[in-house]
Amino acid sequence: MQIDVDARGQGLAVVNLQGRLDAAAAPNFKHRIGELISQGHVRLALQAAQLSFMDSVGLGALVSVLKVARKASGDISIIAPSAQVQKLLHLTAMNRVFKIFGSEGEALRQFQLSATSAAA
């Protein structure tokens, strides 16, 4: 699995995921995302269009980092999940837990709106 990070400032980062988020990749994924959160990037938009496969262990890792982000007063959204990932999210009802957006722009606007309303 390849993980590329594009930090956007103000605690926001876009994380591009490529490959498979499965039992083999889950520990590294949790470690890398945990590092980002500990560095202050608590609002993460996961670009999942190139995430070709996710299994139950990968989904568990995703839920685990969501808990860490929320504990740090942040959140995680998912951008344009691949068909397989989208199907898994729907089958497990995780599409109700994660905010899912069709584009990076939509996800970033939502994070900006939530940051504005939190500051008000």
N, C-alpha and C. Protein backbone atom coordinates (compact mmCIF):
# COMPACT_ATOMS: atom_id res chain seq x y z
N MET A 1 0.84 -1.18 0.00
CA MET A 1 0.00 0.00 0.00
C MET A 1 0.88 1.23 0.00
N GLN A 2 0.51 2.20 -0.81
CA GLN A 2 1.23 3.46 -0.86
C GLN A 2 0.39 4.55 -0.20
N ILE A 3 1.04 5.34 0.65
CA ILE A 3 0.37 6.43 1.38
C ILE A 3 1.15 7.71 1.12
N ASP A 4 0.52 8.68 0.45
CA ASP A 4 1.14 9.97 0.18
C ASP A 4 0.34 11.05 0.89
N VAL A 5 1.05 11.95 1.56
CA VAL A 5 0.39 12.98 2.36
C VAL A 5 0.63 14.35 1.76
N ASP A 6 -0.45 15.12 1.67
CA ASP A 6 -0.39 16.50 1.20
C ASP A 6 -0.97 17.37 2.32
N ALA A 7 -0.08 17.91 3.17
CA ALA A 7 -0.52 18.75 4.29
C ALA A 7 -1.03 20.08 3.75
N ARG A 8 -2.18 20.52 4.24
CA ARG A 8 -2.82 21.74 3.76
C ARG A 8 -2.84 22.86 4.79
N GLY A 9 -2.28 22.62 5.97
CA GLY A 9 -2.27 23.64 7.02
C GLY A 9 -3.53 23.58 7.85
N GLN A 10 -3.52 24.26 8.98
CA GLN A 10 -4.64 24.33 9.91
C GLN A 10 -5.16 22.96 10.31
N GLY A 11 -4.24 22.01 10.47
CA GLY A 11 -4.61 20.67 10.92
C GLY A 11 -5.22 19.78 9.87
N LEU A 12 -5.18 20.22 8.60
CA LEU A 12 -5.83 19.49 7.52
C LEU A 12 -4.78 18.85 6.61
N ALA A 13 -5.03 17.62 6.20
CA ALA A 13 -4.17 16.94 5.23
C ALA A 13 -5.02 16.04 4.34
N VAL A 14 -4.61 15.96 3.07
CA VAL A 14 -5.20 15.01 2.14
C VAL A 14 -4.24 13.84 2.05
N VAL A 15 -4.77 12.64 2.25
CA VAL A 15 -3.94 11.43 2.24
C VAL A 15 -4.37 10.58 1.06
N ASN A 16 -3.47 10.41 0.10
CA ASN A 16 -3.75 9.60 -1.08
C ASN A 16 -3.37 8.16 -0.80
N LEU A 17 -4.33 7.27 -0.92
CA LEU A 17 -4.13 5.84 -0.67
C LEU A 17 -4.16 5.09 -1.99
N GLN A 18 -3.18 4.21 -2.19
CA GLN A 18 -3.14 3.39 -3.39
C GLN A 18 -2.83 1.95 -3.01
N GLY A 19 -3.50 1.04 -3.67
CA GLY A 19 -3.23 -0.38 -3.43
C GLY A 19 -4.30 -1.03 -2.58
N ARG A 20 -3.86 -1.87 -1.67
CA ARG A 20 -4.76 -2.67 -0.85
C ARG A 20 -4.63 -2.30 0.62
N LEU A 21 -5.76 -2.09 1.27
CA LEU A 21 -5.78 -1.89 2.72
C LEU A 21 -6.33 -3.19 3.30
N ASP A 22 -5.41 -4.10 3.57
CA ASP A 22 -5.79 -5.43 4.05
C ASP A 22 -4.98 -5.76 5.30
N ALA A 23 -5.05 -7.00 5.72
CA ALA A 23 -4.38 -7.41 6.96
C ALA A 23 -2.88 -7.12 6.92
N ALA A 24 -2.27 -7.25 5.76
CA ALA A 24 -0.83 -7.00 5.64
C ALA A 24 -0.50 -5.51 5.74
N ALA A 25 -1.35 -4.66 5.20
CA ALA A 25 -1.08 -3.22 5.15
C ALA A 25 -1.62 -2.45 6.35
N ALA A 26 -2.57 -3.02 7.08
CA ALA A 26 -3.26 -2.31 8.16
C ALA A 26 -2.32 -1.77 9.24
N PRO A 27 -1.34 -2.54 9.73
CA PRO A 27 -0.47 -1.99 10.78
C PRO A 27 0.28 -0.73 10.34
N ASN A 28 0.83 -0.74 9.12
CA ASN A 28 1.54 0.43 8.60
C ASN A 28 0.58 1.61 8.42
N PHE A 29 -0.61 1.34 7.92
CA PHE A 29 -1.62 2.39 7.74
C PHE A 29 -1.94 3.05 9.08
N LYS A 30 -2.22 2.25 10.09
CA LYS A 30 -2.54 2.80 11.42
C LYS A 30 -1.38 3.62 11.97
N HIS A 31 -0.16 3.13 11.78
CA HIS A 31 1.02 3.84 12.28
C HIS A 31 1.18 5.18 11.57
N ARG A 32 1.09 5.19 10.25
CA ARG A 32 1.28 6.43 9.47
C ARG A 32 0.20 7.46 9.79
N ILE A 33 -1.05 7.02 9.85
CA ILE A 33 -2.15 7.95 10.13
C ILE A 33 -2.05 8.42 11.58
N GLY A 34 -1.69 7.53 12.49
CA GLY A 34 -1.49 7.92 13.89
C GLY A 34 -0.41 8.97 14.03
N GLU A 35 0.68 8.83 13.27
CA GLU A 35 1.75 9.84 13.27
C GLU A 35 1.23 11.19 12.80
N LEU A 36 0.46 11.18 11.73
CA LEU A 36 -0.10 12.43 11.21
C LEU A 36 -0.95 13.13 12.26
N ILE A 37 -1.79 12.36 12.93
CA ILE A 37 -2.67 12.93 13.95
C ILE A 37 -1.84 13.48 15.10
N SER A 38 -0.81 12.75 15.52
CA SER A 38 0.03 13.23 16.63
C SER A 38 0.82 14.47 16.24
N GLN A 39 1.03 14.68 14.94
CA GLN A 39 1.72 15.87 14.45
C GLN A 39 0.77 17.06 14.28
N GLY A 40 -0.51 16.84 14.60
CA GLY A 40 -1.48 17.93 14.53
C GLY A 40 -2.38 17.93 13.32
N HIS A 41 -2.20 16.96 12.44
CA HIS A 41 -3.08 16.84 11.27
C HIS A 41 -4.29 16.00 11.68
N VAL A 42 -5.24 16.64 12.34
CA VAL A 42 -6.36 15.90 12.92
C VAL A 42 -7.57 15.83 11.99
N ARG A 43 -7.56 16.64 10.95
CA ARG A 43 -8.64 16.60 9.95
C ARG A 43 -8.05 16.02 8.68
N LEU A 44 -8.41 14.77 8.40
CA LEU A 44 -7.83 14.03 7.28
C LEU A 44 -8.88 13.68 6.25
N ALA A 45 -8.55 13.96 5.00
CA ALA A 45 -9.38 13.56 3.88
C ALA A 45 -8.64 12.45 3.15
N LEU A 46 -9.18 11.24 3.20
CA LEU A 46 -8.54 10.08 2.59
C LEU A 46 -9.02 9.91 1.16
N GLN A 47 -8.14 10.13 0.21
CA GLN A 47 -8.44 9.96 -1.21
C GLN A 47 -8.36 8.46 -1.50
N ALA A 48 -9.53 7.83 -1.75
CA ALA A 48 -9.59 6.37 -1.85
C ALA A 48 -9.94 5.86 -3.25
N ALA A 49 -9.83 6.71 -4.26
CA ALA A 49 -10.16 6.28 -5.62
C ALA A 49 -9.21 5.18 -6.10
N GLN A 50 -7.95 5.22 -5.67
CA GLN A 50 -6.96 4.23 -6.09
C GLN A 50 -6.77 3.12 -5.06
N LEU A 51 -7.67 3.06 -4.08
CA LEU A 51 -7.64 1.98 -3.09
C LEU A 51 -8.41 0.82 -3.71
N SER A 52 -7.67 -0.14 -4.25
CA SER A 52 -8.29 -1.20 -5.04
C SER A 52 -9.02 -2.24 -4.21
N PHE A 53 -8.64 -2.39 -2.94
CA PHE A 53 -9.25 -3.44 -2.12
C PHE A 53 -9.11 -3.08 -0.64
N MET A 54 -10.16 -3.39 0.11
CA MET A 54 -10.11 -3.27 1.56
C MET A 54 -10.85 -4.45 2.15
N ASP A 55 -10.22 -5.13 3.12
CA ASP A 55 -10.87 -6.24 3.79
C ASP A 55 -11.33 -5.80 5.17
N SER A 56 -11.82 -6.74 5.97
CA SER A 56 -12.36 -6.40 7.29
C SER A 56 -11.27 -5.86 8.23
N VAL A 57 -10.05 -6.35 8.09
CA VAL A 57 -8.96 -5.84 8.93
C VAL A 57 -8.64 -4.40 8.53
N GLY A 58 -8.64 -4.13 7.24
CA GLY A 58 -8.43 -2.77 6.77
C GLY A 58 -9.53 -1.84 7.24
N LEU A 59 -10.76 -2.31 7.21
CA LEU A 59 -11.88 -1.52 7.71
C LEU A 59 -11.73 -1.25 9.20
N GLY A 60 -11.29 -2.25 9.93
CA GLY A 60 -11.04 -2.07 11.36
C GLY A 60 -9.96 -1.03 11.61
N ALA A 61 -8.92 -1.02 10.78
CA ALA A 61 -7.86 -0.02 10.91
C ALA A 61 -8.41 1.38 10.62
N LEU A 62 -9.29 1.47 9.64
CA LEU A 62 -9.91 2.75 9.31
C LEU A 62 -10.75 3.28 10.47
N VAL A 63 -11.52 2.41 11.09
CA VAL A 63 -12.33 2.79 12.25
C VAL A 63 -11.43 3.18 13.42
N SER A 64 -10.35 2.45 13.60
CA SER A 64 -9.41 2.74 14.68
C SER A 64 -8.81 4.14 14.55
N VAL A 65 -8.37 4.52 13.35
CA VAL A 65 -7.78 5.86 13.18
C VAL A 65 -8.85 6.94 13.26
N LEU A 66 -10.08 6.62 12.91
CA LEU A 66 -11.17 7.59 13.07
C LEU A 66 -11.35 7.91 14.55
N LYS A 67 -11.31 6.89 15.39
CA LYS A 67 -11.43 7.11 16.84
C LYS A 67 -10.31 7.98 17.36
N VAL A 68 -9.09 7.74 16.89
CA VAL A 68 -7.93 8.53 17.32
C VAL A 68 -8.11 9.98 16.88
N ALA A 69 -8.55 10.18 15.64
CA ALA A 69 -8.76 11.55 15.13
C ALA A 69 -9.84 12.27 15.93
N ARG A 70 -10.93 11.60 16.20
CA ARG A 70 -12.02 12.24 16.94
C ARG A 70 -11.62 12.54 18.38
N LYS A 71 -10.80 11.68 18.96
CA LYS A 71 -10.32 11.92 20.32
C LYS A 71 -9.45 13.18 20.35
N ALA A 72 -8.80 13.48 19.22
CA ALA A 72 -7.95 14.67 19.10
C ALA A 72 -8.75 15.86 18.55
N SER A 73 -10.09 15.77 18.64
CA SER A 73 -11.00 16.81 18.14
C SER A 73 -10.91 17.00 16.63
N GLY A 74 -10.66 15.92 15.93
CA GLY A 74 -10.58 15.95 14.47
C GLY A 74 -11.62 15.05 13.84
N ASP A 75 -11.40 14.71 12.59
CA ASP A 75 -12.32 13.83 11.87
C ASP A 75 -11.60 13.28 10.64
N ILE A 76 -12.18 12.26 10.06
CA ILE A 76 -11.67 11.66 8.84
C ILE A 76 -12.82 11.54 7.86
N SER A 77 -12.58 11.98 6.64
CA SER A 77 -13.56 11.79 5.58
C SER A 77 -12.91 10.94 4.48
N ILE A 78 -13.75 10.38 3.64
CA ILE A 78 -13.27 9.53 2.55
C ILE A 78 -13.71 10.17 1.24
N ILE A 79 -12.76 10.29 0.32
CA ILE A 79 -13.02 10.90 -0.98
C ILE A 79 -13.05 9.83 -2.05
N ALA A 80 -14.12 9.83 -2.83
CA ALA A 80 -14.25 9.00 -4.04
C ALA A 80 -13.78 7.56 -3.85
N PRO A 81 -14.36 6.81 -2.91
CA PRO A 81 -13.91 5.43 -2.73
C PRO A 81 -14.14 4.60 -3.99
N SER A 82 -13.23 3.66 -4.23
CA SER A 82 -13.39 2.74 -5.35
C SER A 82 -14.67 1.92 -5.16
N ALA A 83 -15.11 1.27 -6.20
CA ALA A 83 -16.36 0.51 -6.14
C ALA A 83 -16.33 -0.55 -5.04
N GLN A 84 -15.22 -1.27 -4.91
CA GLN A 84 -15.13 -2.33 -3.89
C GLN A 84 -15.18 -1.74 -2.50
N VAL A 85 -14.47 -0.65 -2.28
CA VAL A 85 -14.45 -0.01 -0.96
C VAL A 85 -15.82 0.57 -0.64
N GLN A 86 -16.44 1.20 -1.62
CA GLN A 86 -17.77 1.77 -1.42
C GLN A 86 -18.78 0.67 -1.06
N LYS A 87 -18.69 -0.46 -1.72
CA LYS A 87 -19.59 -1.58 -1.42
C LYS A 87 -19.39 -2.08 0.01
N LEU A 88 -18.12 -2.21 0.43
CA LEU A 88 -17.83 -2.66 1.80
C LEU A 88 -18.36 -1.66 2.82
N LEU A 89 -18.18 -0.37 2.57
CA LEU A 89 -18.68 0.65 3.49
C LEU A 89 -20.21 0.58 3.62
N HIS A 90 -20.89 0.35 2.51
CA HIS A 90 -22.36 0.24 2.55
C HIS A 90 -22.82 -1.04 3.25
N LEU A 91 -22.17 -2.16 2.94
CA LEU A 91 -22.56 -3.45 3.53
C LEU A 91 -22.40 -3.45 5.05
N THR A 92 -21.41 -2.72 5.54
CA THR A 92 -21.13 -2.68 6.98
C THR A 92 -21.76 -1.46 7.66
N ALA A 93 -22.48 -0.65 6.90
CA ALA A 93 -23.11 0.59 7.37
C ALA A 93 -22.09 1.63 7.83
N MET A 94 -20.85 1.47 7.45
CA MET A 94 -19.82 2.45 7.80
C MET A 94 -19.98 3.73 6.97
N ASN A 95 -20.79 3.66 5.92
CA ASN A 95 -21.08 4.88 5.15
C ASN A 95 -21.89 5.86 5.99
N ARG A 96 -22.44 5.40 7.11
CA ARG A 96 -23.15 6.29 8.03
C ARG A 96 -22.21 6.89 9.08
N VAL A 97 -21.04 6.27 9.24
CA VAL A 97 -20.06 6.71 10.23
C VAL A 97 -19.08 7.70 9.61
N PHE A 98 -18.61 7.38 8.41
CA PHE A 98 -17.66 8.23 7.71
C PHE A 98 -18.40 9.18 6.77
N LYS A 99 -17.90 10.40 6.67
CA LYS A 99 -18.40 11.33 5.66
C LYS A 99 -17.71 10.96 4.35
N ILE A 100 -18.51 10.70 3.33
CA ILE A 100 -17.98 10.27 2.04
C ILE A 100 -18.32 11.35 1.01
N PHE A 101 -17.29 11.78 0.26
CA PHE A 101 -17.45 12.84 -0.72
C PHE A 101 -17.01 12.36 -2.09
N GLY A 102 -17.61 12.94 -3.11
CA GLY A 102 -17.29 12.57 -4.48
C GLY A 102 -16.01 13.20 -4.99
N SER A 103 -15.60 14.30 -4.38
CA SER A 103 -14.39 14.98 -4.85
C SER A 103 -13.61 15.57 -3.68
N GLU A 104 -12.36 15.86 -3.94
CA GLU A 104 -11.50 16.47 -2.93
C GLU A 104 -12.03 17.85 -2.55
N GLY A 105 -12.49 18.61 -3.54
CA GLY A 105 -13.03 19.94 -3.27
C GLY A 105 -14.20 19.92 -2.30
N GLU A 106 -15.10 18.95 -2.48
CA GLU A 106 -16.26 18.83 -1.58
C GLU A 106 -15.80 18.54 -0.15
N ALA A 107 -14.85 17.63 0.00
CA ALA A 107 -14.37 17.27 1.33
C ALA A 107 -13.68 18.46 2.00
N LEU A 108 -12.86 19.17 1.26
CA LEU A 108 -12.15 20.31 1.83
C LEU A 108 -13.11 21.43 2.21
N ARG A 109 -14.13 21.66 1.39
CA ARG A 109 -15.15 22.67 1.75
C ARG A 109 -15.85 22.30 3.05
N GLN A 110 -16.18 21.03 3.23
CA GLN A 110 -16.85 20.58 4.44
C GLN A 110 -15.96 20.79 5.66
N PHE A 111 -14.67 20.47 5.53
CA PHE A 111 -13.74 20.70 6.64
C PHE A 111 -13.63 22.19 6.96
N GLN A 112 -13.61 23.03 5.94
CA GLN A 112 -13.53 24.48 6.16
C GLN A 112 -14.79 24.98 6.84
N LEU A 113 -15.94 24.47 6.42
CA LEU A 113 -17.21 24.87 7.04
C LEU A 113 -17.24 24.45 8.50
N SER A 114 -16.82 23.23 8.79
CA SER A 114 -16.86 22.76 10.17
C SER A 114 -15.86 23.53 11.04
N ALA A 115 -14.71 23.91 10.47
CA ALA A 115 -13.75 24.71 11.24
C ALA A 115 -14.29 26.10 11.51
N THR A 116 -15.00 26.68 10.54
CA THR A 116 -15.59 28.01 10.71
C THR A 116 -16.68 27.98 11.77
N SER A 117 -17.54 26.97 11.73
CA SER A 117 -18.62 26.90 12.70
C SER A 117 -18.10 26.58 14.10
N ALA A 118 -16.99 25.84 14.20
CA ALA A 118 -16.42 25.54 15.51
C ALA A 118 -15.79 26.79 16.12
N ALA A 119 -15.27 27.69 15.27
CA ALA A 119 -14.64 28.91 15.77
C ALA A 119 -15.67 29.95 16.17
N ALA A 120 -16.87 29.83 15.64
CA ALA A 120 -17.92 30.82 15.94
C ALA A 120 -18.54 30.66 17.32
